[in-house]
Every structure is written in structure tokens, then in C-alpha cells.
Amino acid sequence: MMSMRSRKRFIVFTLMYTALMIWMSYSLEQEAAAGISFWIAVLSSVVLSVLYAWILINQEKLGLATLKCIGYTNNDIRTIIIGEIIWVTTVAFLIVAEMLIHYSAVIIYFPFLGITDPFIKAGNIGLTIGLFTGAQVLGILLAYSRVLKLRPIVALRVMK
């Protein structure tokens, strides 16, 4: 996948998505500050997904133009872009799930700590994933509009 070739971008955005998922889920747990903190987290996820799509298209412009030159259609390239965006989101979710599994293990194995409630409830995690997926749609739409504007001649100009 393209995201694995550009490790720095992949790692940075995966960690940001992970932190944002935890923050959004945790803000759903808090009843007093849930309103403002939750909406800030939602706005942050939308901005981050649009930023990621924009960076992705700008950094891979030459590669995508080359793919268009060899016969890839806009739908093929859209599938590649969607795959990368969803891949980063899925890996971030798996990291969050792994952290919660370890947190649950600490609760079970060390009952003397007095922790009885989970850090984040499963329903809030499901809602967070749904909201995050909805935010990714905006990033995907932006990426697709940029892919439509990308011309194959861009790759040929660089070859001179």
C-alpha cells in the first residue's frame, strides 16, 4: 500500500487518529464537559481527515499522474486513496482496541487497585468509530475532487 511506503506520514497520522479517538470516546464518557469537548473532538477529526486527504494527494501527485498515464481510471485511483485513508483509520482503531484490552487486563489482574469501571465503554467506542468514519467521508470527497483535476501530463512534464 502507498501508506506503508511513506512511513512518516503513516505513523504520524495513525498516532494522531489514535489520540483523537481516545479523546472523543473519553469526552463522551464525561457528562459535565461532554458538550464542548465532544464537539471540539468532532471538528478536529473532520479537519484532520481533510488535511490528511490534501497532504496525501499533494505528496503522491506524481505517482497518481503516472498511474493515470498507464491506464488507471479515476475510479481506480479513488479506490487506492480510499483504501489508504481507511487503512490509517483502521490501524488507529486497532491500537485503541489493544490499549483498552490491556487496561481491562489490569482491572482484572489487579483488583486491589480499586478500579471497577472501564476507561471507555464499548458503546462510546462504537459511536466514535461511526463519527470518525463520517468525518473520513469529507476527506475522501476532497481527495476525489483533487484526483479528478489531476492530469496525466503532470507525470510527463517531470520526465523532461
C-alpha atoms as a PDB file:
ATOM      1  CA  MET A   1       0.000   0.000   0.000  1.00  0.00           C
ATOM      2  CA  MET A   2       1.059   3.554  -0.601  1.00  0.00           C
ATOM      3  CA  SER A   3       0.716   4.393   3.088  1.00  0.00           C
ATOM      4  CA  MET A   4       3.318   1.815   4.059  1.00  0.00           C
ATOM      5  CA  ARG A   5       5.825   3.296   1.615  1.00  0.00           C
ATOM      6  CA  SER A   6       5.590   6.685   3.293  1.00  0.00           C
ATOM      7  CA  ARG A   7       6.156   5.562   6.855  1.00  0.00           C
ATOM      8  CA  LYS A   8       6.496   9.003   8.387  1.00  0.00           C
ATOM      9  CA  ARG A   9       3.112  10.187   7.156  1.00  0.00           C
ATOM     10  CA  PHE A  10       1.506   6.875   8.090  1.00  0.00           C
ATOM     11  CA  ILE A  11       2.922   6.810  11.623  1.00  0.00           C
ATOM     12  CA  VAL A  12       2.177  10.460  12.358  1.00  0.00           C
ATOM     13  CA  PHE A  13      -1.423  10.335  11.174  1.00  0.00           C
ATOM     14  CA  THR A  14      -2.075   6.961  12.805  1.00  0.00           C
ATOM     15  CA  LEU A  15      -0.894   8.310  16.157  1.00  0.00           C
ATOM     16  CA  MET A  16      -2.952  11.479  15.731  1.00  0.00           C
ATOM     17  CA  TYR A  17      -6.045   9.448  14.839  1.00  0.00           C
ATOM     18  CA  THR A  18      -5.430   7.189  17.845  1.00  0.00           C
ATOM     19  CA  ALA A  19      -5.168  10.127  20.238  1.00  0.00           C
ATOM     20  CA  LEU A  20      -8.235  11.739  18.715  1.00  0.00           C
ATOM     21  CA  MET A  21     -10.281   8.534  19.005  1.00  0.00           C
ATOM     22  CA  ILE A  22      -9.358   8.180  22.658  1.00  0.00           C
ATOM     23  CA  TRP A  23     -10.169  11.829  23.319  1.00  0.00           C
ATOM     24  CA  MET A  24     -13.509  11.628  21.530  1.00  0.00           C
ATOM     25  CA  SER A  25     -14.513   8.427  23.338  1.00  0.00           C
ATOM     26  CA  TYR A  26     -13.395   9.807  26.681  1.00  0.00           C
ATOM     27  CA  SER A  27     -15.282  13.070  26.151  1.00  0.00           C
ATOM     28  CA  LEU A  28     -18.426  11.007  25.549  1.00  0.00           C
ATOM     29  CA  GLU A  29     -17.861   9.421  28.981  1.00  0.00           C
ATOM     30  CA  GLN A  30     -17.718  12.768  30.765  1.00  0.00           C
ATOM     31  CA  GLU A  31     -21.195  14.094  31.411  1.00  0.00           C
ATOM     32  CA  ALA A  32     -20.293  17.610  32.521  1.00  0.00           C
ATOM     33  CA  ALA A  33     -17.846  18.552  29.777  1.00  0.00           C
ATOM     34  CA  ALA A  34     -19.222  16.263  27.087  1.00  0.00           C
ATOM     35  CA  GLY A  35     -20.778  19.056  25.048  1.00  0.00           C
ATOM     36  CA  ILE A  36     -17.876  21.340  24.237  1.00  0.00           C
ATOM     37  CA  SER A  37     -15.110  18.733  24.408  1.00  0.00           C
ATOM     38  CA  PHE A  38     -17.031  16.335  22.190  1.00  0.00           C
ATOM     39  CA  TRP A  39     -17.721  18.942  19.508  1.00  0.00           C
ATOM     40  CA  ILE A  40     -14.102  20.070  19.546  1.00  0.00           C
ATOM     41  CA  ALA A  41     -13.083  16.430  19.018  1.00  0.00           C
ATOM     42  CA  VAL A  42     -15.567  16.040  16.147  1.00  0.00           C
ATOM     43  CA  LEU A  43     -14.348  19.251  14.497  1.00  0.00           C
ATOM     44  CA  SER A  44     -10.743  18.132  14.980  1.00  0.00           C
ATOM     45  CA  SER A  45     -11.435  14.788  13.322  1.00  0.00           C
ATOM     46  CA  VAL A  46     -13.055  16.488  10.323  1.00  0.00           C
ATOM     47  CA  VAL A  47     -10.151  18.936   9.970  1.00  0.00           C
ATOM     48  CA  LEU A  48      -7.608  16.133  10.383  1.00  0.00           C
ATOM     49  CA  SER A  49      -9.263  13.904   7.780  1.00  0.00           C
ATOM     50  CA  VAL A  50      -9.452  16.739   5.243  1.00  0.00           C
ATOM     51  CA  LEU A  51      -5.830  17.660   5.975  1.00  0.00           C
ATOM     52  CA  TYR A  52      -4.723  14.047   5.549  1.00  0.00           C
ATOM     53  CA  ALA A  53      -6.501  13.731   2.208  1.00  0.00           C
ATOM     54  CA  TRP A  54      -4.989  17.002   0.994  1.00  0.00           C
ATOM     55  CA  ILE A  55      -1.466  16.001   2.069  1.00  0.00           C
ATOM     56  CA  LEU A  56      -1.926  12.551   0.546  1.00  0.00           C
ATOM     57  CA  ILE A  57      -2.883  13.919  -2.863  1.00  0.00           C
ATOM     58  CA  ASN A  58      -0.172  16.595  -2.862  1.00  0.00           C
ATOM     59  CA  GLN A  59       2.607  14.184  -1.895  1.00  0.00           C
ATOM     60  CA  GLU A  60       1.505  11.451  -4.291  1.00  0.00           C
ATOM     61  CA  LYS A  61       0.623  13.740  -7.206  1.00  0.00           C
ATOM     62  CA  LEU A  62       3.385  12.474  -9.481  1.00  0.00           C
ATOM     63  CA  GLY A  63       2.666   8.825  -8.694  1.00  0.00           C
ATOM     64  CA  LEU A  64      -1.057   9.251  -9.270  1.00  0.00           C
ATOM     65  CA  ALA A  65      -0.450  11.085 -12.548  1.00  0.00           C
ATOM     66  CA  THR A  66       1.819   8.244 -13.636  1.00  0.00           C
ATOM     67  CA  LEU A  67      -0.911   5.733 -12.816  1.00  0.00           C
ATOM     68  CA  LYS A  68      -3.289   7.739 -14.992  1.00  0.00           C
ATOM     69  CA  CYS A  69      -0.722   7.656 -17.807  1.00  0.00           C
ATOM     70  CA  ILE A  70      -0.556   3.866 -17.765  1.00  0.00           C
ATOM     71  CA  GLY A  71      -4.304   3.472 -17.915  1.00  0.00           C
ATOM     72  CA  TYR A  72      -5.716   3.698 -14.407  1.00  0.00           C
ATOM     73  CA  THR A  73      -9.117   5.359 -14.327  1.00  0.00           C
ATOM     74  CA  ASN A  74     -10.267   7.920 -11.781  1.00  0.00           C
ATOM     75  CA  ASN A  75     -12.263   5.186 -10.048  1.00  0.00           C
ATOM     76  CA  ASP A  76      -9.153   3.009  -9.704  1.00  0.00           C
ATOM     77  CA  ILE A  77      -7.206   5.866  -8.165  1.00  0.00           C
ATOM     78  CA  ARG A  78     -10.146   6.760  -5.926  1.00  0.00           C
ATOM     79  CA  THR A  79     -10.129   3.184  -4.634  1.00  0.00           C
ATOM     80  CA  ILE A  80      -6.417   3.457  -3.819  1.00  0.00           C
ATOM     81  CA  ILE A  81      -6.938   6.744  -1.952  1.00  0.00           C
ATOM     82  CA  ILE A  82      -9.975   5.438  -0.054  1.00  0.00           C
ATOM     83  CA  GLY A  83      -8.000   2.334   0.855  1.00  0.00           C
ATOM     84  CA  GLU A  84      -5.183   4.358   2.344  1.00  0.00           C
ATOM     85  CA  ILE A  85      -7.489   6.637   4.324  1.00  0.00           C
ATOM     86  CA  ILE A  86      -9.494   3.703   5.682  1.00  0.00           C
ATOM     87  CA  TRP A  87      -6.290   1.748   6.391  1.00  0.00           C
ATOM     88  CA  VAL A  88      -4.917   4.518   8.621  1.00  0.00           C
ATOM     89  CA  THR A  89      -8.254   4.792  10.441  1.00  0.00           C
ATOM     90  CA  THR A  90      -8.448   1.017  10.944  1.00  0.00           C
ATOM     91  CA  VAL A  91      -4.915   0.773  12.314  1.00  0.00           C
ATOM     92  CA  ALA A  92      -5.643   3.635  14.723  1.00  0.00           C
ATOM     93  CA  PHE A  93      -8.790   1.834  15.900  1.00  0.00           C
ATOM     94  CA  LEU A  94      -6.842  -1.393  16.403  1.00  0.00           C
ATOM     95  CA  ILE A  95      -4.318   0.480  18.551  1.00  0.00           C
ATOM     96  CA  VAL A  96      -7.154   1.929  20.650  1.00  0.00           C
ATOM     97  CA  ALA A  97      -8.730  -1.521  20.995  1.00  0.00           C
ATOM     98  CA  GLU A  98      -5.402  -3.023  22.050  1.00  0.00           C
ATOM     99  CA  MET A  99      -4.911  -0.327  24.680  1.00  0.00           C
ATOM    100  CA  LEU A 100      -8.386  -0.950  26.064  1.00  0.00           C
ATOM    101  CA  ILE A 101      -7.769  -4.701  26.206  1.00  0.00           C
ATOM    102  CA  HIS A 102      -4.624  -4.120  28.245  1.00  0.00           C
ATOM    103  CA  TYR A 103      -6.446  -1.674  30.500  1.00  0.00           C
ATOM    104  CA  SER A 104      -9.156  -4.273  31.087  1.00  0.00           C
ATOM    105  CA  ALA A 105      -6.499  -6.853  31.916  1.00  0.00           C
ATOM    106  CA  VAL A 106      -5.045  -4.526  34.550  1.00  0.00           C
ATOM    107  CA  ILE A 107      -8.512  -4.156  36.100  1.00  0.00           C
ATOM    108  CA  ILE A 108      -8.972  -7.935  36.232  1.00  0.00           C
ATOM    109  CA  TYR A 109      -5.467  -8.958  37.315  1.00  0.00           C
ATOM    110  CA  PHE A 110      -5.014  -6.268  39.968  1.00  0.00           C
ATOM    111  CA  PRO A 111      -8.302  -5.980  41.867  1.00  0.00           C
ATOM    112  CA  PHE A 112      -6.562  -4.277  44.795  1.00  0.00           C
ATOM    113  CA  LEU A 113      -6.221  -1.106  42.702  1.00  0.00           C
ATOM    114  CA  GLY A 114      -9.923  -0.469  43.240  1.00  0.00           C
ATOM    115  CA  ILE A 115     -10.701   0.259  39.595  1.00  0.00           C
ATOM    116  CA  THR A 116     -14.111  -1.132  38.733  1.00  0.00           C
ATOM    117  CA  ASP A 117     -15.234   0.782  35.652  1.00  0.00           C
ATOM    118  CA  PRO A 118     -13.609   0.599  32.245  1.00  0.00           C
ATOM    119  CA  PHE A 119     -11.848   3.693  30.979  1.00  0.00           C
ATOM    120  CA  ILE A 120     -14.112   3.903  27.929  1.00  0.00           C
ATOM    121  CA  LYS A 121     -17.318   1.964  27.370  1.00  0.00           C
ATOM    122  CA  ALA A 122     -17.840  -0.117  24.222  1.00  0.00           C
ATOM    123  CA  GLY A 123     -20.878   1.890  23.097  1.00  0.00           C
ATOM    124  CA  ASN A 124     -18.880   5.103  23.087  1.00  0.00           C
ATOM    125  CA  ILE A 125     -16.126   3.451  21.086  1.00  0.00           C
ATOM    126  CA  GLY A 126     -18.693   2.326  18.508  1.00  0.00           C
ATOM    127  CA  LEU A 127     -20.123   5.843  18.301  1.00  0.00           C
ATOM    128  CA  THR A 128     -16.621   7.265  17.937  1.00  0.00           C
ATOM    129  CA  ILE A 129     -15.821   4.893  15.072  1.00  0.00           C
ATOM    130  CA  GLY A 130     -19.076   5.878  13.373  1.00  0.00           C
ATOM    131  CA  LEU A 131     -18.325   9.582  13.743  1.00  0.00           C
ATOM    132  CA  PHE A 132     -14.754   9.062  12.584  1.00  0.00           C
ATOM    133  CA  THR A 133     -15.931   7.182   9.510  1.00  0.00           C
ATOM    134  CA  GLY A 134     -18.345  10.015   8.761  1.00  0.00           C
ATOM    135  CA  ALA A 135     -15.503  12.518   9.064  1.00  0.00           C
ATOM    136  CA  GLN A 136     -13.427  10.420   6.666  1.00  0.00           C
ATOM    137  CA  VAL A 137     -16.130  10.838   4.023  1.00  0.00           C
ATOM    138  CA  LEU A 138     -15.297  14.553   3.804  1.00  0.00           C
ATOM    139  CA  GLY A 139     -11.623  13.716   3.342  1.00  0.00           C
ATOM    140  CA  ILE A 140     -12.481  11.162   0.678  1.00  0.00           C
ATOM    141  CA  LEU A 141     -14.673  13.663  -1.192  1.00  0.00           C
ATOM    142  CA  LEU A 142     -11.889  16.252  -1.131  1.00  0.00           C
ATOM    143  CA  ALA A 143      -9.349  13.687  -2.319  1.00  0.00           C
ATOM    144  CA  TYR A 144     -11.622  12.540  -5.134  1.00  0.00           C
ATOM    145  CA  SER A 145     -12.238  16.090  -6.331  1.00  0.00           C
ATOM    146  CA  ARG A 146      -8.474  16.638  -6.412  1.00  0.00           C
ATOM    147  CA  VAL A 147      -7.933  13.351  -8.276  1.00  0.00           C
ATOM    148  CA  LEU A 148     -10.435  14.426 -10.929  1.00  0.00           C
ATOM    149  CA  LYS A 149      -8.442  17.626 -11.510  1.00  0.00           C
ATOM    150  CA  LEU A 150      -5.124  15.771 -11.769  1.00  0.00           C
ATOM    151  CA  ARG A 151      -3.942  15.431 -15.359  1.00  0.00           C
ATOM    152  CA  PRO A 152      -1.590  12.725 -16.671  1.00  0.00           C
ATOM    153  CA  ILE A 153       0.561  15.374 -18.333  1.00  0.00           C
ATOM    154  CA  VAL A 154       1.931  16.229 -14.869  1.00  0.00           C
ATOM    155  CA  ALA A 155       3.933  12.994 -14.882  1.00  0.00           C
ATOM    156  CA  LEU A 156       5.173  13.556 -18.417  1.00  0.00           C
ATOM    157  CA  ARG A 157       6.375  17.106 -17.701  1.00  0.00           C
ATOM    158  CA  VAL A 158       8.656  15.882 -14.942  1.00  0.00           C
ATOM    159  CA  MET A 159      10.294  13.349 -17.268  1.00  0.00           C
ATOM    160  CA  LYS A 160      11.884  16.093 -19.422  1.00  0.00           C
END
